Amino acid sequence: MRTKLRALLSASAATATVVGTMLAGAGTAHAATLYGCPSGAVCVYAQDQPASSSTLTHAYYSYGAHNLSNQEGWHWVINNQTGGASATMCYGYNGGNCTGTTIAAGSWSAENLSPINSIRLNRP
């Protein structure tokens, strides 16, 4: 399933890169929406679904920990924060045991959220 999810996201990566390059060339101050994830947010998508605006289930904007509930199985997590901020998967609630994947700004990851209990948005 992870390979299938990666293939779905990769198929659109070229389009997003072209659009992002065009916007950067126009001198925009904000990152473009990335697979439906608004600029400045970290987004979680529906289980086993491609990342798009129609499958977006959660968007987090503030730094710090955000607890998850009822998130099982594989989900796309996209970090569309600006200024180089990262996002880290945490095994404990309230940002405890943050030894999971760290996603750099402008990046994404297919994550098994079954053992993940919170996502921490990190200042650059």
Protein backbone atom coordinates (compact mmCIF):
# COMPACT_ATOMS: atom_id res chain seq x y z
CA MET A 1 0.00 0.00 0.00
CA ARG A 2 2.87 2.38 0.79
CA THR A 3 4.27 1.93 -2.73
CA LYS A 4 0.85 2.70 -4.21
CA LEU A 5 0.54 5.87 -2.11
CA ARG A 6 4.03 7.01 -3.12
CA ALA A 7 3.22 6.42 -6.80
CA LEU A 8 0.04 8.50 -6.54
CA LEU A 9 1.84 11.41 -4.94
CA SER A 10 4.85 11.18 -7.24
CA ALA A 11 2.63 11.36 -10.31
CA SER A 12 1.60 14.89 -9.30
CA ALA A 13 5.00 16.02 -8.04
CA ALA A 14 6.12 17.34 -11.43
CA THR A 15 3.00 19.49 -11.71
CA ALA A 16 3.46 20.90 -8.22
CA THR A 17 7.12 21.67 -8.97
CA VAL A 18 6.22 23.53 -12.17
CA VAL A 19 3.47 25.51 -10.45
CA GLY A 20 5.73 26.30 -7.48
CA THR A 21 8.50 27.45 -9.81
CA MET A 22 6.10 29.68 -11.73
CA LEU A 23 4.82 31.23 -8.50
CA ALA A 24 8.33 31.76 -7.17
CA GLY A 25 9.23 33.47 -10.42
CA ALA A 26 6.27 35.80 -9.95
CA GLY A 27 7.70 36.93 -6.59
CA THR A 28 4.98 35.46 -4.37
CA ALA A 29 5.57 35.76 -0.61
CA HIS A 30 3.70 32.56 0.33
CA ALA A 31 4.11 28.94 -0.68
CA ALA A 32 1.41 27.58 -2.94
CA THR A 33 -1.22 25.16 -1.77
CA LEU A 34 0.40 21.72 -1.94
CA TYR A 35 -2.01 18.83 -2.66
CA GLY A 36 -4.78 20.80 -0.98
CA CYS A 37 -2.62 21.65 2.06
CA PRO A 38 -2.71 25.43 2.65
CA SER A 39 0.47 27.44 2.93
CA GLY A 40 1.72 27.46 6.53
CA ALA A 41 0.03 24.18 7.54
CA VAL A 42 0.93 20.58 8.26
CA CYS A 43 -1.80 18.38 6.79
CA VAL A 44 -3.01 14.82 7.33
CA TYR A 45 -5.03 13.03 4.65
CA ALA A 46 -7.60 10.23 4.79
CA GLN A 47 -6.28 6.70 5.31
CA ASP A 48 -4.99 4.95 2.17
CA GLN A 49 -6.08 7.83 -0.09
CA PRO A 50 -4.07 10.05 -2.43
CA ALA A 51 -3.24 13.48 -1.06
CA SER A 52 -5.67 16.04 -2.50
CA SER A 53 -8.00 18.76 -1.26
CA SER A 54 -10.87 16.23 -1.19
CA THR A 55 -9.01 13.79 1.11
CA LEU A 56 -7.60 16.38 3.55
CA THR A 57 -8.80 15.58 7.08
CA HIS A 58 -6.64 17.75 9.38
CA ALA A 59 -4.59 20.95 9.00
CA TYR A 60 -2.40 22.25 11.85
CA TYR A 61 -0.97 25.78 11.85
CA SER A 62 0.48 26.54 15.29
CA TYR A 63 3.88 25.44 16.60
CA GLY A 64 3.87 22.79 19.29
CA ALA A 65 2.14 19.44 19.73
CA HIS A 66 -1.19 18.44 18.20
CA ASN A 67 -2.77 15.25 19.54
CA LEU A 68 -4.23 12.74 17.10
CA SER A 69 -7.23 10.50 17.70
CA ASN A 70 -8.75 7.74 15.58
CA GLN A 71 -5.90 7.89 13.05
CA GLU A 72 -5.03 4.33 12.07
CA GLY A 73 -3.04 2.91 9.17
CA TRP A 74 -1.21 4.74 6.39
CA HIS A 75 -1.79 8.44 5.74
CA TRP A 76 0.01 11.11 3.76
CA VAL A 77 1.39 13.87 5.98
CA ILE A 78 2.45 17.02 4.15
CA ASN A 79 4.49 19.82 5.71
CA ASN A 80 3.59 23.00 3.84
CA GLN A 81 4.92 25.31 6.56
CA THR A 82 6.99 28.28 5.48
CA GLY A 83 10.34 29.54 6.71
CA GLY A 84 11.96 26.12 7.10
CA ALA A 85 9.75 24.81 9.95
CA SER A 86 9.65 21.01 10.35
CA ALA A 87 7.09 18.55 11.71
CA THR A 88 7.88 15.47 13.83
CA MET A 89 5.80 12.34 14.47
CA CYS A 90 5.51 11.61 18.20
CA TYR A 91 4.62 8.30 19.86
CA GLY A 92 3.33 10.02 23.01
CA TYR A 93 0.51 12.49 23.50
CA ASN A 94 1.31 16.20 23.87
CA GLY A 95 4.55 15.85 21.92
CA GLY A 96 6.10 13.08 24.02
CA ASN A 97 8.64 10.63 22.60
CA CYS A 98 9.13 12.48 19.32
CA THR A 99 11.47 9.94 17.80
CA GLY A 100 9.40 9.32 14.66
CA THR A 101 9.87 10.80 11.21
CA THR A 102 10.74 14.49 10.92
CA ILE A 103 9.35 16.07 7.76
CA ALA A 104 11.13 19.13 6.37
CA ALA A 105 9.22 22.16 5.12
CA GLY A 106 7.85 21.56 1.62
CA SER A 107 8.09 17.77 1.99
CA TRP A 108 5.76 14.88 2.64
CA SER A 109 5.82 11.36 4.03
CA ALA A 110 3.59 8.29 3.97
CA GLU A 111 3.14 7.54 7.68
CA ASN A 112 1.60 4.65 9.59
CA LEU A 113 -0.26 6.71 12.19
CA SER A 114 -1.38 3.69 14.25
CA PRO A 115 1.48 4.13 16.78
CA ILE A 116 1.62 7.95 16.43
CA ASN A 117 -0.28 9.94 19.06
CA SER A 118 0.75 13.50 18.21
CA ILE A 119 2.47 15.66 15.62
CA ARG A 120 4.83 18.41 16.78
CA LEU A 121 5.28 21.47 14.57
CA ASN A 122 8.81 22.76 15.13
CA ARG A 123 10.07 26.32 14.80
CA PRO A 124 12.93 26.73 12.33
